[in-house]
Amino acid sequence: MVVSIDGPAGAGKSTVARAAAQSLGFTYLDSGAMYRTVGLMTGRHGGPAADRAAELDIRIGERVLANGEDVTEAIRAPEVSEAASTVATDPRVREALVRKQRELLSEGDWVAEGRDIGTVVAPDAEVKVYLTASPEERARRRAAELGTDVDTVRRDQALRDAQDMDREHSPLMQAPGAVELDTTGLSVDDVVRRIAQLVDQARRR
């Protein structure tokens, strides 16, 4: 079974997906970490990002490995976030990483999160969730995560949202059949319980 969790930055996707996977006994796939890894390695070594995406051996689990190197912390740097946004606009990068993601999701039970899981990567996912939250809440969470001020994050967030929604390939949108969950004011446990209910309903169908 595949549970897809999509949504904008700061909606709580990573935290919720990781907790849901643990609760359900599924494997967690952070698709954004794959784009961050391509951005990091392209910045380090140069060359076309699409070539890096195709050649890299990316392993996603508790740690993120790129050709055997642990890059878990390195890919969370702010400059890598910017690089990830840039490489994600390249359709050849997306094609290469979507292919890798589909291979992973073809076997076993997964909770996969990103911005195009339910629309592009796994459109046949048995459970689709679109996480959102108020802009203020999303900015507050992101600022706390990055250790920066909320106003700066809010400005960057607005630009990132526009870029994600307006890009030509795999734009951010709610997948057909996805259940929208507004996480504003909800605890992680609240959201995980709701996802577990959706999984139970899917299993009964």
C-alpha atoms as a PDB file:
ATOM      1  CA  MET A   1       0.000   0.000   0.000  1.00  0.00           C
ATOM      2  CA  VAL A   2       1.130   3.546  -0.738  1.00  0.00           C
ATOM      3  CA  VAL A   3       0.027   6.583   1.279  1.00  0.00           C
ATOM      4  CA  SER A   4       0.841   9.795  -0.590  1.00  0.00           C
ATOM      5  CA  ILE A   5       1.203  13.027   1.373  1.00  0.00           C
ATOM      6  CA  ASP A   6       1.558  16.220  -0.646  1.00  0.00           C
ATOM      7  CA  GLY A   7       1.391  19.876   0.290  1.00  0.00           C
ATOM      8  CA  PRO A   8       3.302  23.154   0.452  1.00  0.00           C
ATOM      9  CA  ALA A   9       6.421  23.844   2.525  1.00  0.00           C
ATOM     10  CA  GLY A  10       5.739  24.164   6.240  1.00  0.00           C
ATOM     11  CA  ALA A  11       2.503  22.153   6.197  1.00  0.00           C
ATOM     12  CA  GLY A  12       4.130  19.448   8.306  1.00  0.00           C
ATOM     13  CA  LYS A  13       4.599  16.814   5.604  1.00  0.00           C
ATOM     14  CA  SER A  14       7.931  15.418   6.764  1.00  0.00           C
ATOM     15  CA  THR A  15       7.027  15.283  10.446  1.00  0.00           C
ATOM     16  CA  VAL A  16       3.610  13.762   9.801  1.00  0.00           C
ATOM     17  CA  ALA A  17       4.811  11.305   7.157  1.00  0.00           C
ATOM     18  CA  ARG A  18       7.645  10.055   9.337  1.00  0.00           C
ATOM     19  CA  ALA A  19       5.327   9.629  12.331  1.00  0.00           C
ATOM     20  CA  ALA A  20       2.605   7.993  10.234  1.00  0.00           C
ATOM     21  CA  ALA A  21       5.069   5.519   8.722  1.00  0.00           C
ATOM     22  CA  GLN A  22       6.308   4.576  12.168  1.00  0.00           C
ATOM     23  CA  SER A  23       2.772   4.205  13.523  1.00  0.00           C
ATOM     24  CA  LEU A  24       1.601   2.092  10.585  1.00  0.00           C
ATOM     25  CA  GLY A  25       4.777   0.018  10.254  1.00  0.00           C
ATOM     26  CA  PHE A  26       5.334   1.393   6.732  1.00  0.00           C
ATOM     27  CA  THR A  27       8.561   2.669   5.151  1.00  0.00           C
ATOM     28  CA  TYR A  28       8.969   6.443   4.892  1.00  0.00           C
ATOM     29  CA  LEU A  29       9.992   8.105   1.615  1.00  0.00           C
ATOM     30  CA  ASP A  30      11.051  11.757   1.696  1.00  0.00           C
ATOM     31  CA  SER A  31      11.029  12.700  -1.997  1.00  0.00           C
ATOM     32  CA  GLY A  32      12.202  16.233  -1.221  1.00  0.00           C
ATOM     33  CA  ALA A  33      15.426  14.804   0.192  1.00  0.00           C
ATOM     34  CA  MET A  34      16.151  13.365  -3.256  1.00  0.00           C
ATOM     35  CA  TYR A  35      15.891  16.811  -4.890  1.00  0.00           C
ATOM     36  CA  ARG A  36      18.002  18.321  -2.111  1.00  0.00           C
ATOM     37  CA  THR A  37      20.625  15.639  -2.687  1.00  0.00           C
ATOM     38  CA  VAL A  38      20.768  16.400  -6.405  1.00  0.00           C
ATOM     39  CA  GLY A  39      21.046  20.121  -5.609  1.00  0.00           C
ATOM     40  CA  LEU A  40      23.851  19.473  -3.119  1.00  0.00           C
ATOM     41  CA  MET A  41      25.860  17.188  -5.373  1.00  0.00           C
ATOM     42  CA  THR A  42      25.406  19.426  -8.418  1.00  0.00           C
ATOM     43  CA  GLY A  43      26.689  22.374  -6.398  1.00  0.00           C
ATOM     44  CA  ARG A  44      29.689  20.382  -5.230  1.00  0.00           C
ATOM     45  CA  HIS A  45      30.684  18.751  -8.483  1.00  0.00           C
ATOM     46  CA  GLY A  46      29.095  20.862 -11.219  1.00  0.00           C
ATOM     47  CA  GLY A  47      27.768  19.521 -14.486  1.00  0.00           C
ATOM     48  CA  PRO A  48      24.137  19.212 -15.579  1.00  0.00           C
ATOM     49  CA  ALA A  49      21.761  18.497 -12.696  1.00  0.00           C
ATOM     50  CA  ALA A  50      19.936  15.968 -14.859  1.00  0.00           C
ATOM     51  CA  ASP A  51      23.119  13.908 -15.192  1.00  0.00           C
ATOM     52  CA  ARG A  52      23.588  13.977 -11.424  1.00  0.00           C
ATOM     53  CA  ALA A  53      19.989  12.868 -10.892  1.00  0.00           C
ATOM     54  CA  ALA A  54      20.378   9.954 -13.290  1.00  0.00           C
ATOM     55  CA  GLU A  55      23.767   8.804 -11.984  1.00  0.00           C
ATOM     56  CA  LEU A  56      23.354   9.225  -8.230  1.00  0.00           C
ATOM     57  CA  ASP A  57      22.680   6.217  -6.043  1.00  0.00           C
ATOM     58  CA  ILE A  58      20.335   7.808  -3.500  1.00  0.00           C
ATOM     59  CA  ARG A  59      19.230   5.756  -0.503  1.00  0.00           C
ATOM     60  CA  ILE A  60      16.423   7.196   1.608  1.00  0.00           C
ATOM     61  CA  GLY A  61      15.725   5.891   5.098  1.00  0.00           C
ATOM     62  CA  GLU A  62      16.569   7.067   8.591  1.00  0.00           C
ATOM     63  CA  ARG A  63      19.647   8.593   6.936  1.00  0.00           C
ATOM     64  CA  VAL A  64      20.108   9.929   3.406  1.00  0.00           C
ATOM     65  CA  LEU A  65      23.005   8.426   1.458  1.00  0.00           C
ATOM     66  CA  ALA A  66      24.373   9.688  -1.864  1.00  0.00           C
ATOM     67  CA  ASN A  67      26.771   7.227  -3.484  1.00  0.00           C
ATOM     68  CA  GLY A  68      27.412   5.876   0.004  1.00  0.00           C
ATOM     69  CA  GLU A  69      28.059   9.286   1.611  1.00  0.00           C
ATOM     70  CA  ASP A  70      25.806  10.329   4.499  1.00  0.00           C
ATOM     71  CA  VAL A  71      24.372  13.719   3.478  1.00  0.00           C
ATOM     72  CA  THR A  72      21.478  13.813   5.975  1.00  0.00           C
ATOM     73  CA  GLU A  73      22.590  17.050   7.644  1.00  0.00           C
ATOM     74  CA  ALA A  74      24.228  18.643   4.600  1.00  0.00           C
ATOM     75  CA  ILE A  75      21.025  18.674   2.538  1.00  0.00           C
ATOM     76  CA  ARG A  76      19.176  20.719   5.183  1.00  0.00           C
ATOM     77  CA  ALA A  77      21.334  23.826   4.726  1.00  0.00           C
ATOM     78  CA  PRO A  78      19.356  26.875   3.463  1.00  0.00           C
ATOM     79  CA  GLU A  79      21.498  27.179   0.331  1.00  0.00           C
ATOM     80  CA  VAL A  80      20.715  23.560  -0.533  1.00  0.00           C
ATOM     81  CA  SER A  81      17.002  24.314  -0.249  1.00  0.00           C
ATOM     82  CA  GLU A  82      17.469  27.005  -2.889  1.00  0.00           C
ATOM     83  CA  ALA A  83      19.455  24.621  -5.079  1.00  0.00           C
ATOM     84  CA  ALA A  84      16.747  21.970  -4.702  1.00  0.00           C
ATOM     85  CA  SER A  85      14.091  24.441  -5.858  1.00  0.00           C
ATOM     86  CA  THR A  86      16.196  25.240  -8.915  1.00  0.00           C
ATOM     87  CA  VAL A  87      16.930  21.658  -9.982  1.00  0.00           C
ATOM     88  CA  ALA A  88      13.282  20.688  -9.385  1.00  0.00           C
ATOM     89  CA  THR A  89      12.257  22.950 -12.267  1.00  0.00           C
ATOM     90  CA  ASP A  90      14.311  20.837 -14.700  1.00  0.00           C
ATOM     91  CA  PRO A  91      11.958  18.272 -16.286  1.00  0.00           C
ATOM     92  CA  ARG A  92      14.866  15.886 -16.883  1.00  0.00           C
ATOM     93  CA  VAL A  93      15.730  15.910 -13.182  1.00  0.00           C
ATOM     94  CA  ARG A  94      12.105  15.271 -12.277  1.00  0.00           C
ATOM     95  CA  GLU A  95      11.877  12.446 -14.806  1.00  0.00           C
ATOM     96  CA  ALA A  96      14.981  10.746 -13.390  1.00  0.00           C
ATOM     97  CA  LEU A  97      13.890  11.067  -9.767  1.00  0.00           C
ATOM     98  CA  VAL A  98      10.277  10.100 -10.430  1.00  0.00           C
ATOM     99  CA  ARG A  99      11.591   6.929 -12.050  1.00  0.00           C
ATOM    100  CA  LYS A 100      13.692   6.167  -8.934  1.00  0.00           C
ATOM    101  CA  GLN A 101      10.728   6.912  -6.646  1.00  0.00           C
ATOM    102  CA  ARG A 102       8.373   4.653  -8.593  1.00  0.00           C
ATOM    103  CA  GLU A 103      10.888   1.820  -8.392  1.00  0.00           C
ATOM    104  CA  LEU A 104      11.007   2.190  -4.624  1.00  0.00           C
ATOM    105  CA  LEU A 105       7.233   2.364  -4.229  1.00  0.00           C
ATOM    106  CA  SER A 106       6.557  -0.649  -6.453  1.00  0.00           C
ATOM    107  CA  GLU A 107       7.065  -3.074  -3.561  1.00  0.00           C
ATOM    108  CA  GLY A 108       6.027  -2.956   0.085  1.00  0.00           C
ATOM    109  CA  ASP A 109       4.083  -0.451   2.171  1.00  0.00           C
ATOM    110  CA  TRP A 110       5.109   3.199   2.013  1.00  0.00           C
ATOM    111  CA  VAL A 111       4.257   6.641   3.303  1.00  0.00           C
ATOM    112  CA  ALA A 112       5.669   8.963   0.642  1.00  0.00           C
ATOM    113  CA  GLU A 113       5.673  12.743   0.924  1.00  0.00           C
ATOM    114  CA  GLY A 114       6.463  15.552  -1.451  1.00  0.00           C
ATOM    115  CA  ARG A 115       4.728  17.911  -3.849  1.00  0.00           C
ATOM    116  CA  ASP A 116       3.743  15.565  -6.688  1.00  0.00           C
ATOM    117  CA  ILE A 117       3.420  12.106  -5.111  1.00  0.00           C
ATOM    118  CA  GLY A 118      -0.339  11.740  -5.525  1.00  0.00           C
ATOM    119  CA  THR A 119      -0.464  13.528  -8.879  1.00  0.00           C
ATOM    120  CA  VAL A 120       2.616  12.185 -10.718  1.00  0.00           C
ATOM    121  CA  VAL A 121       4.719   9.660  -8.808  1.00  0.00           C
ATOM    122  CA  ALA A 122       1.958   7.438  -7.416  1.00  0.00           C
ATOM    123  CA  PRO A 123      -1.386   8.527  -8.902  1.00  0.00           C
ATOM    124  CA  ASP A 124      -2.809   5.097  -8.000  1.00  0.00           C
ATOM    125  CA  ALA A 125      -1.907   5.418  -4.297  1.00  0.00           C
ATOM    126  CA  GLU A 126      -4.580   3.781  -2.168  1.00  0.00           C
ATOM    127  CA  VAL A 127      -4.595   6.740   0.258  1.00  0.00           C
ATOM    128  CA  LYS A 128      -3.930  10.320  -0.836  1.00  0.00           C
ATOM    129  CA  VAL A 129      -3.578  13.192   1.599  1.00  0.00           C
ATOM    130  CA  TYR A 130      -3.036  16.887   0.897  1.00  0.00           C
ATOM    131  CA  LEU A 131      -1.643  18.603   3.983  1.00  0.00           C
ATOM    132  CA  THR A 132      -2.006  22.323   4.378  1.00  0.00           C
ATOM    133  CA  ALA A 133      -1.950  24.973   7.109  1.00  0.00           C
ATOM    134  CA  SER A 134      -2.413  28.709   7.355  1.00  0.00           C
ATOM    135  CA  PRO A 135       0.440  30.775   5.863  1.00  0.00           C
ATOM    136  CA  GLU A 136       1.193  32.168   9.320  1.00  0.00           C
ATOM    137  CA  GLU A 137       1.428  28.709  10.883  1.00  0.00           C
ATOM    138  CA  ARG A 138       3.559  27.377   8.053  1.00  0.00           C
ATOM    139  CA  ALA A 139       5.972  30.304   8.335  1.00  0.00           C
ATOM    140  CA  ARG A 140       6.180  29.926  12.122  1.00  0.00           C
ATOM    141  CA  ARG A 141       7.043  26.222  11.847  1.00  0.00           C
ATOM    142  CA  ARG A 142       9.626  26.792   9.142  1.00  0.00           C
ATOM    143  CA  ALA A 143      11.261  29.655  11.067  1.00  0.00           C
ATOM    144  CA  ALA A 144      11.516  27.473  14.176  1.00  0.00           C
ATOM    145  CA  GLU A 145      13.068  24.683  12.116  1.00  0.00           C
ATOM    146  CA  LEU A 146      15.624  26.955  10.448  1.00  0.00           C
ATOM    147  CA  GLY A 147      16.275  29.218  13.432  1.00  0.00           C
ATOM    148  CA  THR A 148      15.438  32.389  11.518  1.00  0.00           C
ATOM    149  CA  ASP A 149      12.791  35.112  11.729  1.00  0.00           C
ATOM    150  CA  VAL A 150       9.206  34.544  10.655  1.00  0.00           C
ATOM    151  CA  ASP A 151       8.949  37.546   8.321  1.00  0.00           C
ATOM    152  CA  THR A 152      11.884  36.368   6.207  1.00  0.00           C
ATOM    153  CA  VAL A 153      10.440  32.882   6.003  1.00  0.00           C
ATOM    154  CA  ARG A 154       7.002  34.214   5.056  1.00  0.00           C
ATOM    155  CA  ARG A 155       8.460  36.168   2.117  1.00  0.00           C
ATOM    156  CA  ASP A 156      10.520  33.193   0.934  1.00  0.00           C
ATOM    157  CA  GLN A 157       7.525  30.927   1.411  1.00  0.00           C
ATOM    158  CA  ALA A 158       5.322  33.046  -0.838  1.00  0.00           C
ATOM    159  CA  LEU A 159       7.948  32.892  -3.591  1.00  0.00           C
ATOM    160  CA  ARG A 160       8.381  29.130  -3.161  1.00  0.00           C
ATOM    161  CA  ASP A 161       4.617  28.551  -3.264  1.00  0.00           C
ATOM    162  CA  ALA A 162       4.313  30.527  -6.485  1.00  0.00           C
ATOM    163  CA  GLN A 163       7.237  28.651  -8.022  1.00  0.00           C
ATOM    164  CA  ASP A 164       5.834  25.257  -7.020  1.00  0.00           C
ATOM    165  CA  MET A 165       2.309  25.980  -8.225  1.00  0.00           C
ATOM    166  CA  ASP A 166       3.240  27.714 -11.480  1.00  0.00           C
ATOM    167  CA  ARG A 167       5.979  25.422 -12.746  1.00  0.00           C
ATOM    168  CA  GLU A 168       5.262  23.733 -16.050  1.00  0.00           C
ATOM    169  CA  HIS A 169       6.152  20.209 -14.977  1.00  0.00           C
ATOM    170  CA  SER A 170       4.494  18.534 -11.971  1.00  0.00           C
ATOM    171  CA  PRO A 171       3.044  21.692 -10.379  1.00  0.00           C
ATOM    172  CA  LEU A 172       1.927  21.524  -6.758  1.00  0.00           C
ATOM    173  CA  MET A 173      -1.784  20.754  -6.618  1.00  0.00           C
ATOM    174  CA  GLN A 174      -4.229  18.606  -4.712  1.00  0.00           C
ATOM    175  CA  ALA A 175      -4.458  15.185  -6.351  1.00  0.00           C
ATOM    176  CA  PRO A 176      -7.865  13.914  -7.489  1.00  0.00           C
ATOM    177  CA  GLY A 177      -9.358  11.907  -4.660  1.00  0.00           C
ATOM    178  CA  ALA A 178      -6.980  13.327  -2.047  1.00  0.00           C
ATOM    179  CA  VAL A 179      -8.296  14.192   1.402  1.00  0.00           C
ATOM    180  CA  GLU A 180      -7.304  17.698   2.476  1.00  0.00           C
ATOM    181  CA  LEU A 181      -6.123  17.973   6.082  1.00  0.00           C
ATOM    182  CA  ASP A 182      -5.556  21.425   7.537  1.00  0.00           C
ATOM    183  CA  THR A 183      -2.950  20.927  10.251  1.00  0.00           C
ATOM    184  CA  THR A 184      -3.309  24.411  11.764  1.00  0.00           C
ATOM    185  CA  GLY A 185      -3.880  23.910  15.473  1.00  0.00           C
ATOM    186  CA  LEU A 186      -3.581  20.118  15.251  1.00  0.00           C
ATOM    187  CA  SER A 187      -0.936  17.995  16.932  1.00  0.00           C
ATOM    188  CA  VAL A 188       1.099  15.489  14.947  1.00  0.00           C
ATOM    189  CA  ASP A 189      -0.734  12.701  16.781  1.00  0.00           C
ATOM    190  CA  ASP A 190      -4.091  14.161  15.689  1.00  0.00           C
ATOM    191  CA  VAL A 191      -3.053  14.110  12.032  1.00  0.00           C
ATOM    192  CA  VAL A 192      -1.497  10.645  12.254  1.00  0.00           C
ATOM    193  CA  ARG A 193      -4.704   9.262  13.758  1.00  0.00           C
ATOM    194  CA  ARG A 194      -6.688  10.704  10.853  1.00  0.00           C
ATOM    195  CA  ILE A 195      -4.304   9.150   8.323  1.00  0.00           C
ATOM    196  CA  ALA A 196      -4.525   5.804  10.131  1.00  0.00           C
ATOM    197  CA  GLN A 197      -8.314   6.004   9.802  1.00  0.00           C
ATOM    198  CA  LEU A 198      -7.985   6.608   6.055  1.00  0.00           C
ATOM    199  CA  VAL A 199      -5.657   3.605   5.738  1.00  0.00           C
ATOM    200  CA  ASP A 200      -8.109   1.436   7.662  1.00  0.00           C
ATOM    201  CA  GLN A 201     -10.954   2.560   5.403  1.00  0.00           C
ATOM    202  CA  ALA A 202      -8.862   1.788   2.298  1.00  0.00           C
ATOM    203  CA  ARG A 203      -8.088  -1.703   3.570  1.00  0.00           C
ATOM    204  CA  ARG A 204     -11.786  -2.372   4.100  1.00  0.00           C
ATOM    205  CA  ARG A 205     -12.671  -1.421   0.529  1.00  0.00           C
END
